[in-house]
Amino acid sequence: MPVEIIHSESIIKASCFRNVKV
């Protein structure tokens, strides 16, 4: 799995987590 995909997915998860937390 390319690093770009992992990086983008981690960003998406972080943004989703922030949205749910806020």
PDB file of N, CA and C in Angstrom:
ATOM      1  N   MET A   1       0.850  -1.199   0.000  1.00  0.00           N
ATOM      2  CA  MET A   1       0.000   0.000   0.000  1.00  0.00           C
ATOM      3  C   MET A   1       0.888   1.253   0.000  1.00  0.00           C
ATOM      4  N   PRO A   2       0.658   2.167  -0.942  1.00  0.00           N
ATOM      5  CA  PRO A   2       1.480   3.391  -1.020  1.00  0.00           C
ATOM      6  C   PRO A   2       1.351   4.225   0.241  1.00  0.00           C
ATOM      7  N   VAL A   3       2.399   4.949   0.536  1.00  0.00           N
ATOM      8  CA  VAL A   3       2.383   5.785   1.747  1.00  0.00           C
ATOM      9  C   VAL A   3       1.366   6.910   1.607  1.00  0.00           C
ATOM     10  N   GLU A   4       1.163   7.394   0.381  1.00  0.00           N
ATOM     11  CA  GLU A   4       0.216   8.501   0.175  1.00  0.00           C
ATOM     12  C   GLU A   4      -1.194   8.107   0.600  1.00  0.00           C
ATOM     13  N   ILE A   5      -1.571   6.867   0.288  1.00  0.00           N
ATOM     14  CA  ILE A   5      -2.922   6.408   0.658  1.00  0.00           C
ATOM     15  C   ILE A   5      -3.050   6.352   2.181  1.00  0.00           C
ATOM     16  N   ILE A   6      -2.046   5.814   2.856  1.00  0.00           N
ATOM     17  CA  ILE A   6      -2.095   5.722   4.314  1.00  0.00           C
ATOM     18  C   ILE A   6      -2.145   7.124   4.916  1.00  0.00           C
ATOM     19  N   HIS A   7      -1.356   8.030   4.371  1.00  0.00           N
ATOM     20  CA  HIS A   7      -1.304   9.402   4.890  1.00  0.00           C
ATOM     21  C   HIS A   7      -2.662  10.076   4.716  1.00  0.00           C
ATOM     22  N   SER A   8      -3.253   9.926   3.531  1.00  0.00           N
ATOM     23  CA  SER A   8      -4.544  10.566   3.272  1.00  0.00           C
ATOM     24  C   SER A   8      -5.622   9.963   4.165  1.00  0.00           C
ATOM     25  N   GLU A   9      -5.582   8.654   4.361  1.00  0.00           N
ATOM     26  CA  GLU A   9      -6.598   8.020   5.210  1.00  0.00           C
ATOM     27  C   GLU A   9      -6.453   8.484   6.655  1.00  0.00           C
ATOM     28  N   SER A  10      -5.216   8.643   7.125  1.00  0.00           N
ATOM     29  CA  SER A  10      -5.011   9.097   8.502  1.00  0.00           C
ATOM     30  C   SER A  10      -5.544  10.515   8.658  1.00  0.00           C
ATOM     31  N   ILE A  11      -5.384  11.342   7.629  1.00  0.00           N
ATOM     32  CA  ILE A  11      -5.905  12.719   7.681  1.00  0.00           C
ATOM     33  C   ILE A  11      -7.431  12.689   7.733  1.00  0.00           C
ATOM     34  N   ILE A  12      -8.020  11.826   6.913  1.00  0.00           N
ATOM     35  CA  ILE A  12      -9.489  11.725   6.898  1.00  0.00           C
ATOM     36  C   ILE A  12      -9.998  11.265   8.264  1.00  0.00           C
ATOM     37  N   LYS A  13      -9.338  10.267   8.837  1.00  0.00           N
ATOM     38  CA  LYS A  13      -9.763   9.768  10.158  1.00  0.00           C
ATOM     39  C   LYS A  13      -9.617  10.857  11.206  1.00  0.00           C
ATOM     40  N   ALA A  14      -8.514  11.620  11.147  1.00  0.00           N
ATOM     41  CA  ALA A  14      -8.282  12.684  12.120  1.00  0.00           C
ATOM     42  C   ALA A  14      -9.358  13.760  11.974  1.00  0.00           C
ATOM     43  N   SER A  15      -9.683  14.146  10.738  1.00  0.00           N
ATOM     44  CA  SER A  15     -10.692  15.190  10.522  1.00  0.00           C
ATOM     45  C   SER A  15     -12.056  14.695  11.001  1.00  0.00           C
ATOM     46  N   CYS A  16     -12.375  13.430  10.721  1.00  0.00           N
ATOM     47  CA  CYS A  16     -13.650  12.876  11.172  1.00  0.00           C
ATOM     48  C   CYS A  16     -13.690  12.851  12.700  1.00  0.00           C
ATOM     49  N   PHE A  17     -12.600  12.462  13.330  1.00  0.00           N
ATOM     50  CA  PHE A  17     -12.547  12.401  14.784  1.00  0.00           C
ATOM     51  C   PHE A  17     -12.738  13.793  15.374  1.00  0.00           C
ATOM     52  N   ARG A  18     -12.134  14.801  14.746  1.00  0.00           N
ATOM     53  CA  ARG A  18     -12.285  16.173  15.239  1.00  0.00           C
ATOM     54  C   ARG A  18     -13.727  16.633  15.097  1.00  0.00           C
ATOM     55  N   ASN A  19     -14.348  16.302  13.960  1.00  0.00           N
ATOM     56  CA  ASN A  19     -15.736  16.716  13.744  1.00  0.00           C
ATOM     57  C   ASN A  19     -16.648  16.074  14.789  1.00  0.00           C
ATOM     58  N   VAL A  20     -16.412  14.794  15.090  1.00  0.00           N
ATOM     59  CA  VAL A  20     -17.255  14.101  16.073  1.00  0.00           C
ATOM     60  C   VAL A  20     -16.985  14.652  17.469  1.00  0.00           C
ATOM     61  N   LYS A  21     -15.712  14.950  17.763  1.00  0.00           N
ATOM     62  CA  LYS A  21     -15.354  15.454  19.091  1.00  0.00           C
ATOM     63  C   LYS A  21     -15.969  16.831  19.318  1.00  0.00           C
ATOM     64  N   VAL A  22     -15.931  17.666  18.285  1.00  0.00           N
ATOM     65  CA  VAL A  22     -16.494  19.019  18.411  1.00  0.00           C
ATOM     66  C   VAL A  22     -18.012  18.939  18.186  1.00  0.00           C
TER      67      VAL A  22
END
